[in-house]
């Protein structure tokens, strides 16, 4: 591939190119022929730098290149972390409360500021943390709500993410125990095998017709 790029650059420059050399001290710019012995005497560094510069220009094609987390998110189809955050919020806002004729958005159990897109794992998997706020500190349905959130997101996104779900700090009397339950894969799988509990979850997360 490198030899192909070099050949293409050579053809575009007509066989010989004039390579600008900038002083490392920020001084003036001089020109030297790439075929001269002076250019070759620096180990081809000038030619290599020029090759990198031109190759970068060719690959950009006037479009911005994404780096790090944004690059991973764009591979998944999102513009940035905010786009993923909004997508997840749209999935969750319509979940119905298990007892009341309201959605979790109506009750402020789910809110957009409680969705955090975190740095990816070492295996390059996106990480999302969702925080929710039970209506009362002794809410007996907090575990069920956390389960509904997990199932809704995992079904609604067309790709794998690492999902961490937590009760808002200080919002529930037994938040630590509930957090363990709704982030334990074995407990989640066991819960969804219970037909009565599964029916409750399905009724809460189903889309309105």
N, C-alpha and C. Protein backbone atom coordinates (compact mmCIF):
# COMPACT_ATOMS: atom_id res chain seq x y z
N UNK A 1 0.82 -1.20 0.00
CA UNK A 1 0.00 0.00 0.00
C UNK A 1 0.86 1.26 0.00
N UNK A 2 1.96 1.23 0.81
CA UNK A 2 2.84 2.39 0.88
C UNK A 2 3.49 2.66 -0.46
N UNK A 3 3.94 1.59 -1.15
CA UNK A 3 4.57 1.78 -2.45
C UNK A 3 3.58 2.32 -3.47
N UNK A 4 2.31 1.91 -3.36
CA UNK A 4 1.27 2.38 -4.27
C UNK A 4 1.06 3.87 -4.07
N UNK A 5 1.00 4.31 -2.80
CA UNK A 5 0.80 5.73 -2.51
C UNK A 5 1.97 6.55 -3.02
N UNK A 6 3.20 6.03 -2.80
CA UNK A 6 4.37 6.74 -3.28
C UNK A 6 4.35 6.90 -4.80
N UNK A 7 3.92 5.82 -5.49
CA UNK A 7 3.88 5.88 -6.96
C UNK A 7 2.84 6.90 -7.41
N UNK A 8 1.68 6.91 -6.74
CA UNK A 8 0.63 7.85 -7.11
C UNK A 8 1.06 9.29 -6.87
N UNK A 9 1.76 9.53 -5.77
CA UNK A 9 2.24 10.88 -5.49
C UNK A 9 3.29 11.31 -6.49
N UNK A 10 4.15 10.33 -6.88
CA UNK A 10 5.18 10.62 -7.86
C UNK A 10 4.57 10.99 -9.20
N UNK A 11 3.51 10.25 -9.60
CA UNK A 11 2.84 10.56 -10.86
C UNK A 11 2.17 11.92 -10.82
N UNK A 12 1.55 12.27 -9.67
CA UNK A 12 0.86 13.55 -9.58
C UNK A 12 1.83 14.72 -9.56
N UNK A 13 3.08 14.48 -9.12
CA UNK A 13 4.08 15.53 -9.08
C UNK A 13 4.95 15.55 -10.34
N UNK A 14 4.65 14.71 -11.31
CA UNK A 14 5.41 14.68 -12.55
C UNK A 14 6.77 14.05 -12.43
N UNK A 15 6.94 13.16 -11.46
CA UNK A 15 8.21 12.42 -11.34
C UNK A 15 9.16 13.07 -10.37
N UNK A 16 9.26 14.39 -10.36
CA UNK A 16 10.12 15.09 -9.42
C UNK A 16 9.28 16.12 -8.70
N UNK A 17 9.53 16.29 -7.45
CA UNK A 17 8.74 17.25 -6.68
C UNK A 17 9.65 18.18 -5.90
N UNK A 18 9.16 19.36 -5.68
CA UNK A 18 9.87 20.32 -4.87
C UNK A 18 9.26 20.28 -3.49
N UNK A 19 10.04 19.88 -2.51
CA UNK A 19 9.53 19.65 -1.18
C UNK A 19 9.89 20.81 -0.28
N UNK A 20 8.92 21.47 0.30
CA UNK A 20 9.23 22.57 1.22
C UNK A 20 9.82 22.03 2.50
N UNK A 21 10.86 22.64 3.01
CA UNK A 21 11.50 22.24 4.25
C UNK A 21 11.42 23.40 5.21
N UNK A 22 10.76 23.19 6.34
CA UNK A 22 10.59 24.26 7.32
C UNK A 22 11.57 24.08 8.46
N UNK A 23 12.24 25.14 8.83
CA UNK A 23 13.20 25.08 9.92
C UNK A 23 12.50 24.73 11.21
N UNK A 24 13.11 23.87 12.01
CA UNK A 24 12.52 23.49 13.29
C UNK A 24 12.52 24.65 14.27
N UNK A 25 13.29 25.71 13.98
CA UNK A 25 13.32 26.87 14.86
C UNK A 25 12.31 27.92 14.44
N UNK A 26 11.49 27.60 13.46
CA UNK A 26 10.46 28.53 13.03
C UNK A 26 10.99 29.56 12.07
N UNK A 27 12.12 29.26 11.41
CA UNK A 27 12.72 30.20 10.48
C UNK A 27 12.07 30.15 9.12
N UNK A 28 12.79 30.58 8.11
CA UNK A 28 12.26 30.66 6.75
C UNK A 28 12.09 29.29 6.15
N UNK A 29 11.51 29.26 4.95
CA UNK A 29 11.25 28.02 4.24
C UNK A 29 12.11 27.99 3.00
N UNK A 30 12.80 26.85 2.80
CA UNK A 30 13.63 26.68 1.62
C UNK A 30 13.10 25.54 0.82
N UNK A 31 13.49 25.42 -0.45
CA UNK A 31 13.01 24.34 -1.31
C UNK A 31 14.18 23.51 -1.76
N UNK A 32 13.94 22.19 -1.85
CA UNK A 32 14.98 21.30 -2.36
C UNK A 32 14.33 20.27 -3.23
N UNK A 33 15.03 19.86 -4.31
CA UNK A 33 14.50 18.86 -5.22
C UNK A 33 14.54 17.51 -4.55
N UNK A 34 13.41 16.74 -4.62
CA UNK A 34 13.34 15.46 -3.92
C UNK A 34 14.31 14.45 -4.48
N UNK A 35 14.83 14.66 -5.70
CA UNK A 35 15.75 13.69 -6.29
C UNK A 35 17.20 14.05 -6.00
N UNK A 36 17.44 15.15 -5.32
CA UNK A 36 18.82 15.58 -5.06
C UNK A 36 19.41 14.77 -3.93
N UNK A 37 20.73 14.81 -3.85
CA UNK A 37 21.43 14.06 -2.83
C UNK A 37 21.20 14.65 -1.46
N UNK A 38 20.91 16.00 -1.38
CA UNK A 38 20.68 16.62 -0.08
C UNK A 38 19.43 16.07 0.57
N UNK A 39 18.38 15.85 -0.24
CA UNK A 39 17.14 15.32 0.31
C UNK A 39 17.34 13.89 0.77
N UNK A 40 18.11 13.12 0.00
CA UNK A 40 18.35 11.73 0.37
C UNK A 40 19.25 11.62 1.58
N UNK A 41 20.08 12.62 1.82
CA UNK A 41 21.07 12.52 2.87
C UNK A 41 20.45 12.60 4.26
N UNK A 42 19.22 13.06 4.37
CA UNK A 42 18.59 13.15 5.68
C UNK A 42 17.72 11.93 5.93
N UNK A 43 18.05 10.84 5.25
CA UNK A 43 17.37 9.58 5.49
C UNK A 43 15.97 9.55 4.93
N UNK A 44 15.69 10.42 3.95
CA UNK A 44 14.36 10.43 3.35
C UNK A 44 13.30 11.01 4.26
N UNK A 45 13.73 11.75 5.31
CA UNK A 45 12.77 12.25 6.28
C UNK A 45 11.82 13.26 5.66
N UNK A 46 12.38 14.15 4.83
CA UNK A 46 11.54 15.16 4.19
C UNK A 46 10.49 14.50 3.30
N UNK A 47 10.93 13.53 2.51
CA UNK A 47 9.99 12.83 1.64
C UNK A 47 8.94 12.09 2.44
N UNK A 48 9.34 11.48 3.54
CA UNK A 48 8.40 10.75 4.37
C UNK A 48 7.37 11.69 5.00
N UNK A 49 7.86 12.85 5.49
CA UNK A 49 6.94 13.82 6.09
C UNK A 49 5.95 14.33 5.06
N UNK A 50 6.46 14.58 3.86
CA UNK A 50 5.60 15.07 2.79
C UNK A 50 4.57 14.01 2.41
N UNK A 51 5.01 12.74 2.42
CA UNK A 51 4.12 11.64 2.08
C UNK A 51 2.99 11.55 3.09
N UNK A 52 3.33 11.67 4.38
CA UNK A 52 2.31 11.62 5.42
C UNK A 52 1.33 12.76 5.26
N UNK A 53 1.87 13.97 4.97
CA UNK A 53 1.00 15.14 4.83
C UNK A 53 0.03 14.97 3.68
N UNK A 54 0.56 14.54 2.52
CA UNK A 54 -0.29 14.40 1.34
C UNK A 54 -1.28 13.26 1.50
N UNK A 55 -0.84 12.17 2.13
CA UNK A 55 -1.74 11.05 2.34
C UNK A 55 -2.88 11.45 3.25
N UNK A 56 -2.56 12.26 4.27
CA UNK A 56 -3.61 12.72 5.18
C UNK A 56 -4.62 13.58 4.44
N UNK A 57 -4.12 14.44 3.56
CA UNK A 57 -5.01 15.28 2.78
C UNK A 57 -5.90 14.45 1.88
N UNK A 58 -5.32 13.40 1.28
CA UNK A 58 -6.10 12.53 0.39
C UNK A 58 -7.20 11.81 1.16
N UNK A 59 -6.89 11.37 2.38
CA UNK A 59 -7.85 10.58 3.14
C UNK A 59 -8.96 11.44 3.74
N UNK A 60 -8.67 12.72 3.99
CA UNK A 60 -9.67 13.57 4.62
C UNK A 60 -10.80 13.92 3.66
N UNK A 61 -10.44 14.21 2.41
CA UNK A 61 -11.46 14.55 1.40
C UNK A 61 -12.42 15.63 1.92
N UNK A 62 -11.83 16.63 2.59
CA UNK A 62 -12.60 17.76 3.10
C UNK A 62 -13.61 17.39 4.17
N UNK A 63 -13.47 16.20 4.79
CA UNK A 63 -14.36 15.80 5.88
C UNK A 63 -13.55 15.67 7.16
N UNK A 64 -14.18 16.02 8.29
CA UNK A 64 -13.49 15.93 9.57
C UNK A 64 -13.31 14.47 9.96
N UNK A 65 -12.15 14.15 10.52
CA UNK A 65 -11.87 12.79 10.98
C UNK A 65 -12.17 12.71 12.47
N UNK A 66 -12.92 11.71 12.89
CA UNK A 66 -13.27 11.54 14.29
C UNK A 66 -12.18 10.76 15.01
N UNK A 67 -11.94 11.09 16.25
CA UNK A 67 -10.93 10.41 17.04
C UNK A 67 -11.55 9.84 18.31
N UNK A 68 -10.96 8.80 18.87
CA UNK A 68 -11.32 8.26 20.16
C UNK A 68 -12.77 7.83 20.26
N UNK A 69 -13.43 8.33 21.32
CA UNK A 69 -14.80 7.92 21.61
C UNK A 69 -15.75 8.29 20.47
N UNK A 70 -15.59 9.49 19.91
CA UNK A 70 -16.48 9.90 18.83
C UNK A 70 -16.36 8.97 17.63
N UNK A 71 -15.15 8.48 17.36
CA UNK A 71 -14.96 7.56 16.23
C UNK A 71 -15.74 6.28 16.46
N UNK A 72 -15.70 5.75 17.68
CA UNK A 72 -16.44 4.53 18.00
C UNK A 72 -17.94 4.76 17.87
N UNK A 73 -18.41 5.89 18.40
CA UNK A 73 -19.84 6.20 18.34
C UNK A 73 -20.31 6.37 16.90
N UNK A 74 -19.48 6.98 16.07
CA UNK A 74 -19.86 7.18 14.68
C UNK A 74 -19.91 5.86 13.93
N UNK A 75 -19.07 4.92 14.31
CA UNK A 75 -19.14 3.59 13.72
C UNK A 75 -20.47 2.92 14.05
N UNK A 76 -21.03 3.26 15.21
CA UNK A 76 -22.31 2.69 15.63
C UNK A 76 -23.50 3.45 15.06
N UNK A 77 -23.22 4.60 14.41
CA UNK A 77 -24.29 5.35 13.77
C UNK A 77 -24.72 6.61 14.50
N UNK A 78 -23.94 7.05 15.49
CA UNK A 78 -24.27 8.26 16.24
C UNK A 78 -23.29 9.38 15.91
N UNK A 79 -23.77 10.60 15.95
CA UNK A 79 -22.89 11.74 15.66
C UNK A 79 -21.87 11.94 16.78
N UNK A 80 -22.35 11.79 18.02
CA UNK A 80 -21.50 12.00 19.19
C UNK A 80 -22.19 11.42 20.42
N UNK A 81 -21.63 11.68 21.59
CA UNK A 81 -22.18 11.12 22.83
C UNK A 81 -23.58 11.67 23.10
N UNK A 82 -23.81 12.93 22.79
CA UNK A 82 -25.13 13.53 23.01
C UNK A 82 -26.19 12.84 22.17
N UNK A 83 -25.84 12.47 20.96
CA UNK A 83 -26.79 11.78 20.08
C UNK A 83 -27.19 10.43 20.67
N UNK A 84 -26.23 9.69 21.22
CA UNK A 84 -26.54 8.41 21.87
C UNK A 84 -27.37 8.63 23.12
N UNK A 85 -27.03 9.65 23.89
CA UNK A 85 -27.79 9.97 25.10
C UNK A 85 -29.25 10.26 24.76
N UNK A 86 -29.49 11.04 23.72
CA UNK A 86 -30.86 11.38 23.33
C UNK A 86 -31.61 10.16 22.81
N UNK A 87 -30.90 9.29 22.10
CA UNK A 87 -31.53 8.07 21.59
C UNK A 87 -32.01 7.18 22.73
N UNK A 88 -31.18 7.02 23.76
CA UNK A 88 -31.56 6.19 24.91
C UNK A 88 -32.70 6.84 25.68
N UNK A 89 -32.66 8.14 25.82
CA UNK A 89 -33.74 8.83 26.53
C UNK A 89 -35.08 8.64 25.81
N UNK A 90 -35.06 8.70 24.50
CA UNK A 90 -36.28 8.48 23.72
C UNK A 90 -36.83 7.07 23.93
N UNK A 91 -35.93 6.10 24.13
CA UNK A 91 -36.37 4.74 24.40
C UNK A 91 -37.04 4.62 25.77
N UNK A 92 -36.50 5.34 26.75
CA UNK A 92 -36.93 5.17 28.14
C UNK A 92 -38.12 6.04 28.53
N UNK A 93 -38.30 7.14 27.88
CA UNK A 93 -39.28 8.12 28.34
C UNK A 93 -40.72 7.57 28.33
N UNK A 94 -40.98 6.59 27.48
CA UNK A 94 -42.33 6.06 27.38
C UNK A 94 -42.62 4.85 28.26
N UNK A 95 -41.63 4.40 29.05
CA UNK A 95 -41.88 3.28 29.96
C UNK A 95 -42.94 3.69 30.98
N UNK A 96 -43.92 2.82 31.18
CA UNK A 96 -45.01 3.13 32.11
C UNK A 96 -44.67 2.68 33.54
N UNK A 97 -45.11 3.48 34.47
CA UNK A 97 -44.94 3.12 35.88
C UNK A 97 -45.76 1.87 36.18
N UNK A 98 -45.22 0.93 36.97
CA UNK A 98 -45.94 -0.32 37.25
C UNK A 98 -47.27 -0.13 37.97
N UNK A 99 -47.42 0.98 38.71
CA UNK A 99 -48.64 1.18 39.50
C UNK A 99 -49.50 2.35 39.02
N UNK A 100 -48.87 3.38 38.52
CA UNK A 100 -49.61 4.60 38.17
C UNK A 100 -49.80 4.71 36.66
N UNK A 101 -50.85 5.40 36.22
CA UNK A 101 -51.09 5.58 34.79
C UNK A 101 -50.23 6.71 34.21
N UNK A 102 -48.96 6.64 34.48
CA UNK A 102 -48.02 7.68 34.03
C UNK A 102 -46.76 7.02 33.49
N UNK A 103 -46.00 7.78 32.74
CA UNK A 103 -44.72 7.28 32.27
C UNK A 103 -43.63 7.66 33.28
N UNK A 104 -42.48 7.02 33.13
CA UNK A 104 -41.36 7.35 34.01
C UNK A 104 -40.88 8.78 33.77
N UNK A 105 -41.07 9.28 32.56
CA UNK A 105 -40.73 10.67 32.27
C UNK A 105 -41.68 11.61 33.01
N UNK A 106 -42.99 11.30 33.00
CA UNK A 106 -43.97 12.13 33.69
C UNK A 106 -43.65 12.25 35.18
N UNK A 107 -43.18 11.16 35.77
CA UNK A 107 -42.90 11.12 37.21
C UNK A 107 -41.49 11.60 37.55
N UNK A 108 -40.73 11.94 36.51
CA UNK A 108 -39.33 12.37 36.68
C UNK A 108 -38.46 11.27 37.30
N UNK A 109 -38.87 10.02 37.07
CA UNK A 109 -38.04 8.89 37.48
C UNK A 109 -36.87 8.76 36.49
N UNK A 110 -37.16 9.04 35.22
CA UNK A 110 -36.16 9.07 34.16
C UNK A 110 -36.00 10.50 33.67
N UNK A 111 -34.77 10.93 33.49
CA UNK A 111 -34.50 12.29 33.03
C UNK A 111 -33.23 12.25 32.19
N UNK A 112 -33.16 13.15 31.23
CA UNK A 112 -32.05 13.10 30.26
C UNK A 112 -30.70 13.30 30.92
N UNK A 113 -30.64 14.14 31.95
CA UNK A 113 -29.36 14.40 32.63
C UNK A 113 -28.87 13.20 33.43
N UNK A 114 -29.72 12.18 33.57
CA UNK A 114 -29.31 10.97 34.29
C UNK A 114 -28.71 9.91 33.39
N UNK A 115 -28.50 10.23 32.11
CA UNK A 115 -27.90 9.29 31.16
C UNK A 115 -26.49 9.77 30.83
N UNK A 116 -25.51 8.92 31.08
CA UNK A 116 -24.10 9.31 30.90
C UNK A 116 -23.42 8.34 29.93
N UNK A 117 -22.77 8.89 28.91
CA UNK A 117 -21.97 8.08 27.99
C UNK A 117 -20.52 8.15 28.47
N UNK A 118 -19.99 7.02 28.89
CA UNK A 118 -18.67 6.96 29.50
C UNK A 118 -17.63 6.45 28.50
N UNK A 119 -16.35 6.58 28.81
CA UNK A 119 -15.30 6.04 27.92
C UNK A 119 -15.49 4.56 27.69
N UNK A 120 -15.18 4.06 26.49
CA UNK A 120 -15.39 2.64 26.17
C UNK A 120 -14.46 1.73 26.96
N UNK A 121 -14.79 0.46 26.99
CA UNK A 121 -13.97 -0.54 27.66
C UNK A 121 -12.71 -0.80 26.85
N UNK A 122 -11.80 -1.60 27.41
CA UNK A 122 -10.56 -1.95 26.69
C UNK A 122 -10.84 -2.75 25.43
N UNK A 123 -11.97 -3.43 25.42
CA UNK A 123 -12.35 -4.19 24.22
C UNK A 123 -13.18 -3.34 23.26
N UNK A 124 -13.21 -2.03 23.49
CA UNK A 124 -13.85 -1.08 22.60
C UNK A 124 -15.37 -1.23 22.56
N UNK A 125 -15.97 -1.44 23.72
CA UNK A 125 -17.42 -1.50 23.84
C UNK A 125 -17.90 -0.22 24.52
N UNK A 126 -18.89 0.43 23.95
CA UNK A 126 -19.42 1.66 24.53
C UNK A 126 -20.04 1.39 25.90
N UNK A 127 -19.86 2.35 26.81
CA UNK A 127 -20.38 2.21 28.17
C UNK A 127 -21.39 3.33 28.44
N UNK A 128 -22.56 2.94 28.92
CA UNK A 128 -23.60 3.91 29.26
C UNK A 128 -24.05 3.66 30.68
N UNK A 129 -24.13 4.73 31.46
CA UNK A 129 -24.63 4.65 32.83
C UNK A 129 -25.97 5.38 32.89
N UNK A 130 -26.98 4.70 33.43
CA UNK A 130 -28.30 5.31 33.56
C UNK A 130 -28.66 5.40 35.03
N UNK A 131 -29.01 6.59 35.44
CA UNK A 131 -29.40 6.85 36.83
C UNK A 131 -30.91 7.13 36.85
N UNK A 132 -31.63 6.52 37.79
CA UNK A 132 -33.05 6.83 37.90
C UNK A 132 -33.42 7.17 39.33
N UNK A 133 -34.53 7.88 39.48
CA UNK A 133 -34.91 8.43 40.78
C UNK A 133 -36.28 7.92 41.19
N UNK A 134 -36.36 6.93 42.08
CA UNK A 134 -37.67 6.43 42.54
C UNK A 134 -38.51 7.57 43.13
N UNK A 135 -39.81 7.42 43.06
CA UNK A 135 -40.69 8.48 43.53
C UNK A 135 -40.65 8.67 45.04
N UNK A 136 -40.37 7.57 45.77
CA UNK A 136 -40.27 7.65 47.23
C UNK A 136 -39.08 6.81 47.69
N UNK A 137 -38.45 7.14 48.82
CA UNK A 137 -37.25 6.41 49.28
C UNK A 137 -37.49 4.95 49.62
N UNK A 138 -38.75 4.57 49.84
CA UNK A 138 -39.05 3.18 50.19
C UNK A 138 -39.78 2.47 49.05
N UNK A 139 -39.67 2.95 47.84
CA UNK A 139 -40.38 2.39 46.69
C UNK A 139 -40.11 0.88 46.57
N UNK A 140 -41.18 0.11 46.61
CA UNK A 140 -41.04 -1.35 46.55
C UNK A 140 -40.86 -1.86 45.12
N UNK A 141 -41.04 -0.97 44.15
CA UNK A 141 -40.95 -1.37 42.74
C UNK A 141 -39.67 -0.87 42.06
N UNK A 142 -38.71 -0.40 42.83
CA UNK A 142 -37.48 0.14 42.25
C UNK A 142 -36.72 -0.91 41.45
N UNK A 143 -36.69 -2.14 41.96
CA UNK A 143 -36.00 -3.22 41.24
C UNK A 143 -36.68 -3.50 39.92
N UNK A 144 -38.01 -3.53 39.92
CA UNK A 144 -38.76 -3.77 38.69
C UNK A 144 -38.53 -2.66 37.69
N UNK A 145 -38.47 -1.42 38.15
CA UNK A 145 -38.22 -0.28 37.26
C UNK A 145 -36.83 -0.40 36.64
N UNK A 146 -35.85 -0.76 37.45
CA UNK A 146 -34.49 -0.94 36.92
C UNK A 146 -34.43 -2.03 35.88
N UNK A 147 -35.18 -3.10 36.11
CA UNK A 147 -35.24 -4.20 35.15
C UNK A 147 -35.89 -3.75 33.84
N UNK A 148 -36.95 -2.97 33.95
CA UNK A 148 -37.62 -2.45 32.75
C UNK A 148 -36.67 -1.58 31.93
N UNK A 149 -35.90 -0.76 32.61
CA UNK A 149 -34.94 0.12 31.94
C UNK A 149 -33.93 -0.71 31.16
N UNK A 150 -33.39 -1.73 31.82
CA UNK A 150 -32.37 -2.56 31.17
C UNK A 150 -32.94 -3.28 29.94
N UNK A 151 -34.07 -3.91 30.10
CA UNK A 151 -34.65 -4.67 28.99
C UNK A 151 -35.00 -3.75 27.82
N UNK A 152 -35.54 -2.58 28.11
CA UNK A 152 -35.94 -1.64 27.06
C UNK A 152 -34.72 -1.17 26.25
N UNK A 153 -33.64 -0.84 26.92
CA UNK A 153 -32.45 -0.35 26.21
C UNK A 153 -31.80 -1.47 25.42
N UNK A 154 -31.65 -2.64 26.04
CA UNK A 154 -30.98 -3.75 25.35
C UNK A 154 -31.76 -4.20 24.12
N UNK A 155 -33.07 -4.12 24.17
CA UNK A 155 -33.87 -4.48 23.01
C UNK A 155 -33.91 -3.36 21.97
N UNK A 156 -33.84 -2.14 22.44
CA UNK A 156 -34.03 -1.00 21.54
C UNK A 156 -32.81 -0.59 20.74
N UNK A 157 -31.62 -0.94 21.23
CA UNK A 157 -30.40 -0.56 20.51
C UNK A 157 -29.94 -1.72 19.63
N UNK A 158 -29.54 -1.45 18.39
CA UNK A 158 -29.16 -2.52 17.46
C UNK A 158 -27.72 -3.00 17.62
N UNK A 159 -27.09 -2.65 18.72
CA UNK A 159 -25.70 -3.03 18.93
C UNK A 159 -25.46 -3.25 20.42
N UNK A 160 -24.34 -3.85 20.74
CA UNK A 160 -24.01 -4.17 22.11
C UNK A 160 -23.38 -2.97 22.83
N UNK A 161 -23.84 -2.71 24.05
CA UNK A 161 -23.19 -1.72 24.90
C UNK A 161 -23.10 -2.29 26.31
N UNK A 162 -22.18 -1.75 27.10
CA UNK A 162 -22.11 -2.11 28.51
C UNK A 162 -23.02 -1.15 29.25
N UNK A 163 -24.05 -1.69 29.86
CA UNK A 163 -25.09 -0.86 30.48
C UNK A 163 -25.03 -0.98 32.00
N UNK A 164 -24.81 0.14 32.68
CA UNK A 164 -24.80 0.19 34.14
C UNK A 164 -25.99 1.03 34.59
N UNK A 165 -26.84 0.46 35.44
CA UNK A 165 -28.04 1.14 35.90
C UNK A 165 -27.98 1.31 37.42
N UNK A 166 -28.20 2.54 37.87
CA UNK A 166 -28.10 2.82 39.29
C UNK A 166 -29.23 3.74 39.75
N UNK A 167 -29.64 3.56 40.99
CA UNK A 167 -30.56 4.50 41.63
C UNK A 167 -29.77 5.76 41.99
N UNK A 168 -30.41 6.89 41.83
CA UNK A 168 -29.76 8.15 42.18
C UNK A 168 -29.29 8.10 43.63
N UNK A 169 -28.08 8.55 43.86
CA UNK A 169 -27.47 8.47 45.18
C UNK A 169 -28.35 9.11 46.24
N UNK A 170 -28.66 8.34 47.28
CA UNK A 170 -29.45 8.85 48.39
C UNK A 170 -30.95 8.86 48.16
N UNK A 171 -31.41 8.28 47.02
CA UNK A 171 -32.83 8.36 46.69
C UNK A 171 -33.63 7.16 47.18
N UNK A 172 -32.95 6.13 47.71
CA UNK A 172 -33.68 4.94 48.16
C UNK A 172 -32.99 4.35 49.38
N UNK A 173 -33.80 3.76 50.25
CA UNK A 173 -33.27 3.23 51.51
C UNK A 173 -32.34 2.03 51.31
N UNK A 174 -32.61 1.24 50.27
CA UNK A 174 -31.79 0.04 50.02
C UNK A 174 -31.14 0.10 48.63
N UNK A 175 -30.65 1.26 48.28
CA UNK A 175 -30.14 1.47 46.92
C UNK A 175 -28.96 0.54 46.58
N UNK A 176 -28.09 0.27 47.52
CA UNK A 176 -26.93 -0.57 47.23
C UNK A 176 -27.35 -1.98 46.83
N UNK A 177 -28.30 -2.56 47.55
CA UNK A 177 -28.77 -3.91 47.25
C UNK A 177 -29.50 -3.95 45.91
N UNK A 178 -30.30 -2.93 45.65
CA UNK A 178 -31.04 -2.88 44.38
C UNK A 178 -30.07 -2.70 43.21
N UNK A 179 -29.07 -1.87 43.39
CA UNK A 179 -28.08 -1.66 42.33
C UNK A 179 -27.38 -2.97 41.96
N UNK A 180 -27.08 -3.78 42.97
CA UNK A 180 -26.45 -5.08 42.71
C UNK A 180 -27.38 -5.99 41.91
N UNK A 181 -28.64 -5.99 42.28
CA UNK A 181 -29.60 -6.87 41.62
C UNK A 181 -29.78 -6.52 40.15
N UNK A 182 -29.91 -5.24 39.83
CA UNK A 182 -30.22 -4.84 38.46
C UNK A 182 -28.98 -4.75 37.57
N UNK A 183 -27.81 -5.06 38.15
CA UNK A 183 -26.59 -5.11 37.34
C UNK A 183 -25.94 -6.49 37.38
N UNK A 184 -26.66 -7.45 37.91
CA UNK A 184 -26.17 -8.83 37.98
C UNK A 184 -26.83 -9.64 36.86
N UNK A 185 -26.05 -10.10 35.90
CA UNK A 185 -26.59 -10.80 34.74
C UNK A 185 -27.37 -12.04 35.11
N UNK A 186 -26.87 -12.80 36.09
CA UNK A 186 -27.55 -14.04 36.49
C UNK A 186 -28.90 -13.75 37.13
N UNK A 187 -28.95 -12.73 37.97
CA UNK A 187 -30.22 -12.37 38.61
C UNK A 187 -31.22 -11.85 37.58
N UNK A 188 -30.73 -11.09 36.61
CA UNK A 188 -31.60 -10.56 35.56
C UNK A 188 -32.20 -11.69 34.74
N UNK A 189 -31.34 -12.64 34.35
CA UNK A 189 -31.81 -13.77 33.56
C UNK A 189 -32.84 -14.59 34.33
N UNK A 190 -32.59 -14.80 35.61
CA UNK A 190 -33.53 -15.56 36.44
C UNK A 190 -34.86 -14.83 36.58
N UNK A 191 -34.79 -13.52 36.74
CA UNK A 191 -36.01 -12.72 36.88
C UNK A 191 -36.87 -12.80 35.63
N UNK A 192 -36.23 -12.75 34.45
CA UNK A 192 -36.99 -12.76 33.21
C UNK A 192 -37.52 -14.14 32.87
N UNK A 193 -37.09 -15.17 33.60
CA UNK A 193 -37.65 -16.51 33.42
C UNK A 193 -38.92 -16.70 34.24
N UNK A 194 -39.16 -15.79 35.16
CA UNK A 194 -40.38 -15.84 35.96
C UNK A 194 -41.52 -15.27 35.10
N UNK A 195 -42.53 -16.08 34.76
CA UNK A 195 -43.58 -15.62 33.84
C UNK A 195 -44.36 -14.41 34.34
N UNK A 196 -44.65 -14.36 35.63
CA UNK A 196 -45.40 -13.22 36.17
C UNK A 196 -44.59 -11.93 36.11
N UNK A 197 -43.32 -12.01 36.48
CA UNK A 197 -42.46 -10.83 36.44
C UNK A 197 -42.21 -10.39 35.00
N UNK A 198 -42.02 -11.37 34.14
CA UNK A 198 -41.81 -11.06 32.72
C UNK A 198 -43.02 -10.32 32.14
N UNK A 199 -44.20 -10.75 32.52
CA UNK A 199 -45.41 -10.10 32.02
C UNK A 199 -45.49 -8.65 32.50
N UNK A 200 -45.12 -8.41 33.75
CA UNK A 200 -45.09 -7.05 34.28
C UNK A 200 -44.14 -6.17 33.47
N UNK A 201 -42.95 -6.70 33.20
CA UNK A 201 -41.96 -5.94 32.44
C UNK A 201 -42.48 -5.64 31.03
N UNK A 202 -43.03 -6.64 30.40
CA UNK A 202 -43.53 -6.46 29.02
C UNK A 202 -44.64 -5.41 28.97
N UNK A 203 -45.51 -5.39 29.95
CA UNK A 203 -46.59 -4.41 29.98
C UNK A 203 -46.06 -2.99 30.18
N UNK A 204 -44.99 -2.88 30.96
CA UNK A 204 -44.42 -1.55 31.23
C UNK A 204 -43.65 -0.99 30.03
N UNK A 205 -42.97 -1.84 29.29
CA UNK A 205 -42.08 -1.34 28.23
C UNK A 205 -42.67 -1.38 26.83
N UNK A 206 -43.86 -1.99 26.69
CA UNK A 206 -44.41 -2.09 25.33
C UNK A 206 -44.75 -0.71 24.78
N UNK A 207 -44.55 -0.54 23.48
CA UNK A 207 -44.84 0.73 22.83
C UNK A 207 -46.34 0.93 22.72
N UNK A 208 -46.76 2.18 22.92
CA UNK A 208 -48.18 2.49 22.79
C UNK A 208 -48.61 2.39 21.34
N UNK A 209 -49.77 1.85 21.11
CA UNK A 209 -50.29 1.68 19.75
C UNK A 209 -50.97 2.96 19.27
